[in-house]
Amino acid sequence: MDTTQSVVERSAIKKVAYRLVPFVALMFFINYLDRTAIAFAGPNGMNSDLGLSAAQFGFASGVFFIGYILLEVPSNLALHRFGARRWLSRIMVSWGIVSLLFVWVSSVEGLYILRFALGVAEAGFFPGAILFLSLWVPSRHRSKILALFYLAQPLTTVIGAPLAGWLIAQEGLFGLDGWRVMYLGVSVPAIIVGIIAWFYLADSPAKAKWLNPEEKTWLTNALETEKKETAASHKHVSARTVFSNGRVWMLSAIYFGFIYGLYALAFFLPTIIAGFESLYGSKFDVLQKGLITAIPYVFAAFALYFWSKDATKRGVKTWHIALPALIGGLSVPLALFAGSPAATIAVITVTAMAIFAALPNFWTVPTQFLTGAAAAAGIALINTVGNLAGFSAGFVTGWLKDWTGGYTVPMFVVGGLMLLSAVLMVLLSRSGKISEGVPAEALDPTGAGHHAEP
């Protein structure tokens, strides 16, 4: 390996990791907090103020994803056309304004409309962020970069749950109910950071003023070489034909299982914790409930980091994705038989660790065979199907809880879908239609990122 090139490579990747990832992760942090704020508002005044049943709360949680899904692929193609700086900034300011309107919502119908509008406003942000970061680093560094980005999601709950609890406790501020104060507190930062993003982000390494000429040249050449090798080693997939590509749909189904589990926990964990009082006689105030909600996500952040670090070292293998899906699928129903608040949270922690360990490694797979506009469309399509799970998880979980009188059936559904994801990942790998990554040290210094067939 050329020593000079190695130094330039390390310097370029380090700058991307420190300059871009924390800011995009902050955007994701605010994004996830805004879309899941309803989970904290519901059991802390909103449900009673608006007269919501569990099914209505679930529908309000899930209808967000209908608006999101309708504009997901068009939004990501627009990002590819107009550039990430403009498009991600526009998305963020839009959802901040819509989120601010929740402060004054006064009816169930108004809640449904605003949740739908929030989905429309946020459409394309997550796949756009994934695509944006993927376009900045060669494949062998992608797992590490996406893992650092994904840390924002569990940390949103680690930091956001106590923050939401504290904001809700500010009952009477500006004459507002506590849950309305919370919406005020989480929406304004989205508008501010969205405006900053317009000036802070760059669309490509060539346009980054904070990279020196050698770093710009290395990143640009490495990414272009990888793009050509991907096109040469895989049958070309265009943006039009991505919708009939079997690998894309298989990955979509795998992602559906993960996201169903993720949002079932995100939307209903605060409600489950609130139910500890009736089940076990345990009493917690709002801030304590927020801190308890954060516990699974603290451990999930560690699992995400160290699991992805191993994937970076070895190259992403099938078991880096399938094994966490298996563990998550088996652990979810066990929470029903835990017998105490501590045991219930412990089992849910295992589930959260499993989901977050798999997700960043999963997102390295689509860019093995998709480039350019096809990558934009493919990643958006996979995420669209995942967001169908986001809608289903909220609505179906609430409906099944109302119908059966408890969370037993809903949690078995979650577990079953995650087990299905594990099985499908193994089948996809054995079909030979995706490659297994090789360790970073085994790759050539050009950054082209060769893959060994499974």
Protein backbone atom coordinates (compact mmCIF):
# COMPACT_ATOMS: atom_id res chain seq x y z
CA MET A 1 0.00 0.00 0.00
CA ASP A 2 1.29 3.45 -0.93
CA THR A 3 2.19 5.22 2.33
CA THR A 4 1.26 8.70 1.04
CA GLN A 5 -2.05 7.45 -0.28
CA SER A 6 -2.76 5.70 3.00
CA VAL A 7 -2.19 8.93 4.92
CA VAL A 8 -4.43 10.88 2.54
CA GLU A 9 -7.12 8.19 2.81
CA ARG A 10 -7.11 8.21 6.60
CA SER A 11 -7.16 11.99 6.69
CA ALA A 12 -10.05 12.25 4.22
CA ILE A 13 -12.22 9.66 5.98
CA LYS A 14 -11.48 11.20 9.36
CA LYS A 15 -12.58 14.63 8.15
CA VAL A 16 -15.81 13.23 6.72
CA ALA A 17 -16.46 11.39 10.01
CA TYR A 18 -15.90 14.50 12.13
CA ARG A 19 -17.27 17.19 9.85
CA LEU A 20 -20.35 15.63 8.24
CA VAL A 21 -21.52 12.69 10.33
CA PRO A 22 -22.19 14.56 13.62
CA PHE A 23 -24.20 17.25 11.84
CA VAL A 24 -26.28 14.83 9.75
CA ALA A 25 -26.72 12.72 12.91
CA LEU A 26 -28.01 15.84 14.71
CA MET A 27 -30.53 16.30 11.90
CA PHE A 28 -31.57 12.66 12.28
CA PHE A 29 -31.78 13.10 16.07
CA ILE A 30 -34.26 15.97 15.66
CA ASN A 31 -36.10 14.08 12.91
CA TYR A 32 -36.67 10.96 15.00
CA LEU A 33 -37.60 13.01 18.09
CA ASP A 34 -40.23 14.95 16.13
CA ARG A 35 -41.84 11.87 14.57
CA THR A 36 -41.95 9.92 17.88
CA ALA A 37 -42.96 12.85 20.11
CA ILE A 38 -46.52 11.50 19.95
CA ALA A 39 -45.35 8.46 21.96
CA PHE A 40 -44.54 10.73 24.93
CA ALA A 41 -47.49 13.08 24.43
CA GLY A 42 -50.09 10.27 24.33
CA PRO A 43 -49.88 8.84 27.87
CA ASN A 44 -49.02 12.25 29.35
CA GLY A 45 -52.18 14.20 28.66
CA MET A 46 -52.82 14.15 24.91
CA ASN A 47 -54.87 10.95 24.86
CA SER A 48 -57.18 12.17 27.62
CA ASP A 49 -57.39 15.75 26.30
CA LEU A 50 -58.33 14.59 22.80
CA GLY A 51 -60.27 11.48 23.91
CA LEU A 52 -58.14 8.92 22.05
CA SER A 53 -58.60 5.14 22.29
CA ALA A 54 -55.57 2.84 21.84
CA ALA A 55 -56.60 2.20 18.23
CA GLN A 56 -57.00 5.94 17.51
CA PHE A 57 -53.62 6.66 19.11
CA GLY A 58 -52.10 3.87 17.00
CA PHE A 59 -53.69 5.25 13.84
CA ALA A 60 -52.46 8.77 14.63
CA SER A 61 -48.97 7.35 15.20
CA GLY A 62 -49.05 5.38 11.96
CA VAL A 63 -50.81 7.76 9.55
CA PHE A 64 -47.56 9.76 9.49
CA PHE A 65 -46.10 7.02 7.31
CA ILE A 66 -48.84 7.26 4.67
CA GLY A 67 -47.82 10.82 3.83
CA TYR A 68 -44.18 9.83 4.08
CA ILE A 69 -44.61 6.87 1.72
CA LEU A 70 -46.45 8.84 -0.98
CA LEU A 71 -43.51 11.19 -1.53
CA GLU A 72 -40.57 8.99 -0.47
CA VAL A 73 -39.21 7.95 -3.86
CA PRO A 74 -39.96 11.28 -5.64
CA SER A 75 -38.26 13.15 -2.79
CA ASN A 76 -35.11 11.04 -3.01
CA LEU A 77 -34.93 11.47 -6.78
CA ALA A 78 -35.31 15.22 -6.24
CA LEU A 79 -32.39 15.09 -3.79
CA HIS A 80 -30.32 13.31 -6.46
CA ARG A 81 -31.25 16.03 -8.96
CA PHE A 82 -31.05 19.20 -6.84
CA GLY A 83 -28.38 18.18 -4.32
CA ALA A 84 -28.49 17.17 -0.66
CA ARG A 85 -27.69 20.59 0.75
CA ARG A 86 -30.79 22.25 -0.66
CA TRP A 87 -33.15 19.30 -0.37
CA LEU A 88 -32.32 18.12 3.17
CA SER A 89 -32.50 21.72 4.38
CA ARG A 90 -35.90 22.19 2.73
CA ILE A 91 -37.23 18.99 4.27
CA MET A 92 -36.09 19.94 7.76
CA VAL A 93 -37.57 23.44 7.79
CA SER A 94 -40.85 22.05 6.41
CA TRP A 95 -41.28 19.41 9.09
CA GLY A 96 -40.27 21.89 11.83
CA ILE A 97 -43.11 24.20 10.80
CA VAL A 98 -45.66 21.34 10.71
CA SER A 99 -44.43 19.99 14.07
CA LEU A 100 -44.93 23.43 15.60
CA LEU A 101 -48.63 23.30 14.68
CA PHE A 102 -49.15 20.36 17.08
CA VAL A 103 -48.95 22.92 19.91
CA TRP A 104 -52.47 24.04 18.98
CA VAL A 105 -54.13 20.79 17.86
CA SER A 106 -57.57 20.42 19.47
CA SER A 107 -59.30 17.40 17.92
CA VAL A 108 -58.72 13.81 16.83
CA GLU A 109 -59.29 14.81 13.20
CA GLY A 110 -56.79 17.67 13.52
CA LEU A 111 -54.25 15.26 15.00
CA TYR A 112 -54.70 12.86 12.06
CA ILE A 113 -54.26 15.70 9.55
CA LEU A 114 -51.11 17.03 11.20
CA ARG A 115 -49.54 13.58 11.53
CA PHE A 116 -50.22 12.96 7.81
CA ALA A 117 -48.78 16.39 6.94
CA LEU A 118 -45.71 15.72 9.08
CA GLY A 119 -45.07 12.58 7.03
CA VAL A 120 -45.38 14.55 3.79
CA ALA A 121 -42.95 17.17 5.10
CA GLU A 122 -40.38 14.60 6.28
CA ALA A 123 -40.59 12.40 3.16
CA GLY A 124 -37.18 11.50 1.83
CA PHE A 125 -35.10 12.67 4.76
CA PHE A 126 -33.84 9.34 6.07
CA PRO A 127 -33.06 7.64 2.72
CA GLY A 128 -31.66 10.97 1.55
CA ALA A 129 -29.30 11.09 4.52
CA ILE A 130 -28.25 7.46 3.94
CA LEU A 131 -27.62 8.15 0.25
CA PHE A 132 -25.80 11.40 1.01
CA LEU A 133 -23.34 9.75 3.42
CA SER A 134 -22.90 6.74 1.11
CA LEU A 135 -21.79 9.09 -1.67
CA TRP A 136 -19.00 10.48 0.49
CA VAL A 137 -17.03 7.33 1.37
CA PRO A 138 -15.94 4.13 -0.43
CA SER A 139 -17.76 0.92 0.51
CA ARG A 140 -15.15 -0.39 2.95
CA HIS A 141 -15.66 2.65 5.18
CA ARG A 142 -19.43 2.79 4.77
CA SER A 143 -20.40 0.51 7.66
CA LYS A 144 -18.41 2.64 10.10
CA ILE A 145 -19.80 5.94 8.80
CA LEU A 146 -23.40 4.70 8.78
CA ALA A 147 -22.97 3.25 12.28
CA LEU A 148 -21.81 6.62 13.60
CA PHE A 149 -24.83 8.22 11.90
CA TYR A 150 -27.24 5.58 13.23
CA LEU A 151 -26.09 6.20 16.80
CA ALA A 152 -28.33 9.25 16.68
CA GLN A 153 -31.45 7.05 16.69
CA PRO A 154 -31.00 5.25 20.04
CA LEU A 155 -29.44 8.40 21.49
CA THR A 156 -32.60 10.27 20.51
CA THR A 157 -34.45 8.21 23.10
CA VAL A 158 -31.57 8.16 25.61
CA ILE A 159 -31.49 11.96 25.59
CA GLY A 160 -34.92 12.69 24.14
CA ALA A 161 -37.04 10.63 26.55
CA PRO A 162 -35.82 12.46 29.68
CA LEU A 163 -35.92 15.75 27.72
CA ALA A 164 -39.52 15.07 26.68
CA GLY A 165 -40.35 14.22 30.30
CA TRP A 166 -38.77 17.46 31.50
CA LEU A 167 -40.61 19.53 28.87
CA ILE A 168 -43.92 17.88 29.73
CA ALA A 169 -43.25 18.70 33.39
CA GLN A 170 -43.18 22.41 32.43
CA GLU A 171 -46.98 22.44 32.62
CA GLY A 172 -48.36 25.97 32.33
CA LEU A 173 -45.39 27.48 30.44
CA PHE A 174 -46.88 30.07 28.03
CA GLY A 175 -50.26 28.88 29.34
CA LEU A 176 -49.83 25.51 27.59
CA ASP A 177 -50.45 21.92 28.70
CA GLY A 178 -47.26 19.97 29.34
CA TRP A 179 -47.47 17.85 26.18
CA ARG A 180 -47.99 21.00 24.10
CA VAL A 181 -44.88 22.55 25.67
CA MET A 182 -42.99 19.44 24.57
CA TYR A 183 -44.08 19.89 20.95
CA LEU A 184 -42.92 23.50 21.10
CA GLY A 185 -39.54 22.40 22.45
CA VAL A 186 -38.87 19.79 19.77
CA SER A 187 -40.11 21.70 16.70
CA VAL A 188 -38.16 24.98 16.90
CA PRO A 189 -34.70 23.25 16.71
CA ALA A 190 -35.74 21.59 13.42
CA ILE A 191 -36.34 24.98 11.79
CA ILE A 192 -33.08 26.44 13.11
CA VAL A 193 -30.86 23.46 12.16
CA GLY A 194 -32.56 23.21 8.76
CA ILE A 195 -31.55 26.79 7.96
CA ILE A 196 -27.98 26.12 9.14
CA ALA A 197 -27.80 22.99 6.93
CA TRP A 198 -28.24 25.14 3.81
CA PHE A 199 -24.91 26.82 4.50
CA TYR A 200 -23.06 23.95 6.24
CA LEU A 201 -23.47 20.92 3.96
CA ALA A 202 -21.67 20.28 0.67
CA ASP A 203 -23.07 18.08 -2.10
CA SER A 204 -19.86 16.21 -2.92
CA PRO A 205 -16.17 15.95 -1.91
CA ALA A 206 -15.23 18.15 -4.87
CA LYS A 207 -17.30 21.01 -3.38
CA ALA A 208 -16.05 20.63 0.21
CA LYS A 209 -13.91 23.63 1.20
CA TRP A 210 -12.71 21.77 4.30
CA LEU A 211 -10.91 19.06 2.27
CA ASN A 212 -7.45 19.80 0.86
CA PRO A 213 -6.78 19.11 -2.87
CA GLU A 214 -5.17 15.68 -2.23
CA GLU A 215 -8.14 14.54 -0.11
CA LYS A 216 -10.64 15.77 -2.70
CA THR A 217 -8.79 13.94 -5.46
CA TRP A 218 -8.49 10.70 -3.50
CA LEU A 219 -12.18 10.61 -2.47
CA THR A 220 -13.43 11.57 -5.93
CA ASN A 221 -11.24 8.97 -7.69
CA ALA A 222 -12.00 6.21 -5.17
CA LEU A 223 -15.76 6.78 -5.44
CA GLU A 224 -15.66 6.96 -9.25
CA THR A 225 -13.58 3.77 -9.47
CA GLU A 226 -16.00 1.98 -7.15
CA LYS A 227 -18.97 3.19 -9.18
CA LYS A 228 -17.46 1.82 -12.40
CA GLU A 229 -16.57 -1.52 -10.78
CA THR A 230 -20.07 -1.87 -9.36
CA ALA A 231 -21.57 -1.21 -12.78
CA ALA A 232 -19.17 -3.71 -14.38
CA SER A 233 -19.62 -6.51 -11.82
CA HIS A 234 -23.44 -6.32 -11.54
CA LYS A 235 -26.11 -6.24 -14.21
CA HIS A 236 -27.05 -2.59 -14.59
CA VAL A 237 -30.09 -1.58 -12.58
CA SER A 238 -31.71 1.67 -13.70
CA ALA A 239 -34.02 3.88 -11.68
CA ARG A 240 -36.95 2.59 -13.78
CA THR A 241 -36.16 -1.12 -13.44
CA VAL A 242 -35.38 -0.95 -9.70
CA PHE A 243 -39.11 -1.49 -9.02
CA SER A 244 -38.97 -4.92 -10.66
CA ASN A 245 -35.64 -5.95 -9.11
CA GLY A 246 -36.00 -9.05 -6.89
CA ARG A 247 -33.07 -8.15 -4.62
CA VAL A 248 -34.56 -4.74 -3.87
CA TRP A 249 -37.92 -6.26 -2.93
CA MET A 250 -36.29 -8.96 -0.80
CA LEU A 251 -34.31 -6.30 1.07
CA SER A 252 -37.54 -4.31 1.43
CA ALA A 253 -39.23 -7.28 3.11
CA ILE A 254 -36.25 -7.78 5.45
CA TYR A 255 -36.30 -4.11 6.39
CA PHE A 256 -40.05 -4.27 7.00
CA GLY A 257 -39.51 -6.73 9.87
CA PHE A 258 -36.83 -4.58 11.50
CA ILE A 259 -38.84 -1.38 11.27
CA TYR A 260 -42.03 -3.02 12.51
CA GLY A 261 -40.15 -4.02 15.67
CA LEU A 262 -38.47 -0.63 15.97
CA TYR A 263 -41.67 1.42 15.86
CA ALA A 264 -43.75 -1.01 17.91
CA LEU A 265 -41.24 -0.31 20.69
CA ALA A 266 -40.90 3.41 19.95
CA PHE A 267 -44.64 4.17 19.95
CA PHE A 268 -45.80 1.85 22.74
CA LEU A 269 -42.88 1.51 25.19
CA PRO A 270 -43.86 4.70 27.09
CA THR A 271 -47.44 3.36 27.27
CA ILE A 272 -46.22 -0.05 28.48
CA ILE A 273 -44.13 1.64 31.18
CA ALA A 274 -47.13 3.74 32.20
CA GLY A 275 -49.01 0.44 32.65
CA PHE A 276 -46.50 -0.84 35.24
CA GLU A 277 -48.56 0.89 37.94
CA SER A 278 -51.67 -1.19 37.29
CA LEU A 279 -49.72 -4.41 36.62
CA TYR A 280 -47.13 -4.31 39.40
CA GLY A 281 -48.13 -1.38 41.63
CA SER A 282 -45.01 0.57 40.62
CA LYS A 283 -45.39 4.36 40.60
CA PHE A 284 -43.14 6.64 38.54
CA ASP A 285 -43.38 10.36 37.79
CA VAL A 286 -43.07 11.72 34.23
CA LEU A 287 -39.30 12.26 34.38
CA GLN A 288 -38.72 8.79 35.86
CA LYS A 289 -40.79 7.25 33.08
CA GLY A 290 -38.65 9.11 30.55
CA LEU A 291 -35.45 7.79 32.15
CA ILE A 292 -36.81 4.21 32.19
CA THR A 293 -37.77 4.53 28.51
CA ALA A 294 -34.16 5.52 27.77
CA ILE A 295 -32.58 2.40 29.36
CA PRO A 296 -32.98 -0.02 26.40
CA TYR A 297 -31.58 2.58 24.02
CA VAL A 298 -28.43 3.21 26.08
CA PHE A 299 -27.46 -0.43 25.64
CA ALA A 300 -28.68 -0.36 22.02
CA ALA A 301 -26.21 2.45 21.27
CA PHE A 302 -23.31 0.35 22.60
CA ALA A 303 -24.50 -2.72 20.66
CA LEU A 304 -24.79 -0.69 17.46
CA TYR A 305 -21.29 0.74 17.82
CA PHE A 306 -19.41 -2.44 18.69
CA TRP A 307 -21.35 -4.72 16.32
CA SER A 308 -20.72 -2.32 13.43
CA LYS A 309 -17.06 -2.02 14.43
CA ASP A 310 -16.76 -5.78 14.08
CA ALA A 311 -18.55 -5.60 10.71
CA THR A 312 -16.08 -2.95 9.54
CA LYS A 313 -13.16 -5.16 10.59
CA ARG A 314 -14.45 -8.42 9.07
CA GLY A 315 -16.53 -6.96 6.27
CA VAL A 316 -20.33 -7.06 6.59
CA LYS A 317 -21.39 -10.72 6.69
CA THR A 318 -24.88 -12.19 6.47
CA TRP A 319 -24.83 -13.04 10.16
CA HIS A 320 -24.16 -9.40 11.06
CA ILE A 321 -27.77 -8.81 9.94
CA ALA A 322 -29.53 -12.17 10.35
CA LEU A 323 -28.31 -13.03 13.88
CA PRO A 324 -29.63 -9.82 15.50
CA ALA A 325 -32.96 -10.37 13.69
CA LEU A 326 -33.13 -13.87 15.17
CA ILE A 327 -32.30 -12.67 18.70
CA GLY A 328 -34.77 -9.78 18.45
CA GLY A 329 -37.55 -12.02 17.16
CA LEU A 330 -37.11 -14.52 19.99
CA SER A 331 -36.77 -11.91 22.75
CA VAL A 332 -39.86 -9.77 22.00
CA PRO A 333 -42.49 -12.27 23.25
CA LEU A 334 -40.39 -13.06 26.35
CA ALA A 335 -41.11 -9.55 27.68
CA LEU A 336 -44.72 -10.67 28.19
CA PHE A 337 -43.67 -13.24 30.79
CA ALA A 338 -40.99 -11.23 32.60
CA GLY A 339 -43.02 -10.77 35.80
CA SER A 340 -41.59 -7.42 36.99
CA PRO A 341 -40.77 -3.95 35.63
CA ALA A 342 -36.99 -4.61 35.81
CA ALA A 343 -37.23 -7.95 34.00
CA THR A 344 -39.56 -6.51 31.35
CA ILE A 345 -37.15 -3.65 30.61
CA ALA A 346 -34.22 -6.11 30.55
CA VAL A 347 -35.87 -8.22 27.84
CA ILE A 348 -36.93 -5.15 25.84
CA THR A 349 -33.31 -3.98 26.09
CA VAL A 350 -32.15 -7.16 24.35
CA THR A 351 -34.69 -6.53 21.57
CA ALA A 352 -33.56 -2.92 21.12
CA MET A 353 -29.89 -3.99 21.03
CA ALA A 354 -30.67 -6.55 18.33
CA ILE A 355 -32.58 -4.11 16.10
CA PHE A 356 -29.96 -1.38 16.27
CA ALA A 357 -27.04 -3.79 15.81
CA ALA A 358 -28.46 -4.89 12.46
CA LEU A 359 -29.71 -1.64 10.88
CA PRO A 360 -26.49 0.19 9.87
CA ASN A 361 -25.01 -3.03 8.48
CA PHE A 362 -28.20 -3.69 6.52
CA TRP A 363 -27.82 -0.37 4.70
CA THR A 364 -24.43 -1.36 3.27
CA VAL A 365 -26.13 -4.05 1.14
CA PRO A 366 -28.18 -2.01 -1.41
CA THR A 367 -25.16 0.00 -2.60
CA GLN A 368 -23.39 -3.27 -3.49
CA PHE A 369 -25.42 -3.36 -6.70
CA LEU A 370 -27.10 0.05 -7.02
CA THR A 371 -25.48 3.30 -8.19
CA GLY A 372 -26.58 6.80 -9.19
CA ALA A 373 -30.30 7.39 -9.68
CA ALA A 374 -30.94 3.65 -9.18
CA ALA A 375 -29.37 3.88 -5.73
CA ALA A 376 -31.57 6.87 -4.92
CA ALA A 377 -34.70 5.04 -6.10
CA GLY A 378 -33.74 1.67 -4.57
CA ILE A 379 -32.86 3.03 -1.13
CA ALA A 380 -36.04 5.12 -1.15
CA LEU A 381 -38.14 2.08 -2.15
CA ILE A 382 -36.66 -0.08 0.62
CA ASN A 383 -37.27 2.68 3.13
CA THR A 384 -40.80 3.19 1.80
CA VAL A 385 -41.65 -0.45 2.51
CA GLY A 386 -40.04 -0.03 5.93
CA ASN A 387 -42.30 2.91 6.58
CA LEU A 388 -45.30 0.77 5.72
CA ALA A 389 -44.13 -1.20 8.75
CA GLY A 390 -44.02 2.05 10.69
CA PHE A 391 -47.70 2.61 9.90
CA SER A 392 -48.62 -1.02 10.54
CA ALA A 393 -46.75 -1.21 13.84
CA GLY A 394 -48.65 1.74 15.29
CA PHE A 395 -52.10 0.93 13.99
CA VAL A 396 -52.04 -2.89 14.23
CA THR A 397 -50.48 -2.91 17.69
CA GLY A 398 -53.11 -0.50 19.00
CA TRP A 399 -55.96 -2.33 17.26
CA LEU A 400 -54.83 -5.75 18.51
CA LYS A 401 -54.41 -4.37 22.03
CA ASP A 402 -57.99 -3.02 21.99
CA TRP A 403 -59.32 -6.25 20.48
CA THR A 404 -57.51 -8.72 22.78
CA GLY A 405 -57.24 -6.54 25.89
CA GLY A 406 -53.45 -6.81 26.16
CA TYR A 407 -50.09 -6.79 24.37
CA THR A 408 -49.61 -10.58 24.08
CA VAL A 409 -50.80 -10.98 20.48
CA PRO A 410 -49.19 -7.71 19.25
CA MET A 411 -45.78 -8.70 20.62
CA PHE A 412 -45.94 -12.17 19.06
CA VAL A 413 -46.64 -10.47 15.72
CA VAL A 414 -43.53 -8.31 16.20
CA GLY A 415 -41.41 -11.35 17.03
CA GLY A 416 -42.70 -13.33 14.07
CA LEU A 417 -41.91 -10.57 11.57
CA MET A 418 -38.37 -10.18 12.89
CA LEU A 419 -37.79 -13.92 12.62
CA LEU A 420 -39.02 -13.73 9.03
CA SER A 421 -36.41 -11.02 8.36
CA ALA A 422 -33.67 -13.33 9.64
CA VAL A 423 -34.82 -16.19 7.39
CA LEU A 424 -35.09 -13.94 4.31
CA MET A 425 -31.59 -12.50 4.88
CA VAL A 426 -30.09 -15.99 4.94
CA LEU A 427 -32.02 -17.00 1.81
CA LEU A 428 -30.89 -13.87 -0.03
CA SER A 429 -27.27 -14.54 0.87
CA ARG A 430 -27.44 -18.19 -0.20
CA SER A 431 -28.98 -17.21 -3.52
CA GLY A 432 -25.66 -15.58 -4.41
CA LYS A 433 -27.37 -12.32 -5.37
CA ILE A 434 -25.48 -10.26 -2.80
CA SER A 435 -21.82 -10.27 -1.81
CA GLU A 436 -20.26 -10.66 1.61
CA GLY A 437 -17.80 -7.88 2.45
CA VAL A 438 -14.18 -8.57 3.19
CA PRO A 439 -12.14 -6.98 6.00
CA ALA A 440 -10.89 -3.47 5.41
CA GLU A 441 -7.24 -4.53 5.58
CA ALA A 442 -7.80 -7.02 2.75
CA LEU A 443 -8.94 -4.35 0.32
CA ASP A 444 -6.72 -2.56 -2.15
CA PRO A 445 -5.59 1.05 -1.46
CA THR A 446 -7.61 2.53 -4.32
CA GLY A 447 -10.84 2.34 -2.33
CA ALA A 448 -12.55 0.33 -5.04
CA GLY A 449 -13.93 -2.14 -2.52
CA HIS A 450 -13.78 -5.68 -4.01
CA HIS A 451 -16.20 -8.25 -2.65
CA ALA A 452 -15.78 -11.99 -2.22
CA GLU A 453 -18.72 -14.12 -3.26
CA PRO A 454 -20.37 -16.08 -0.42
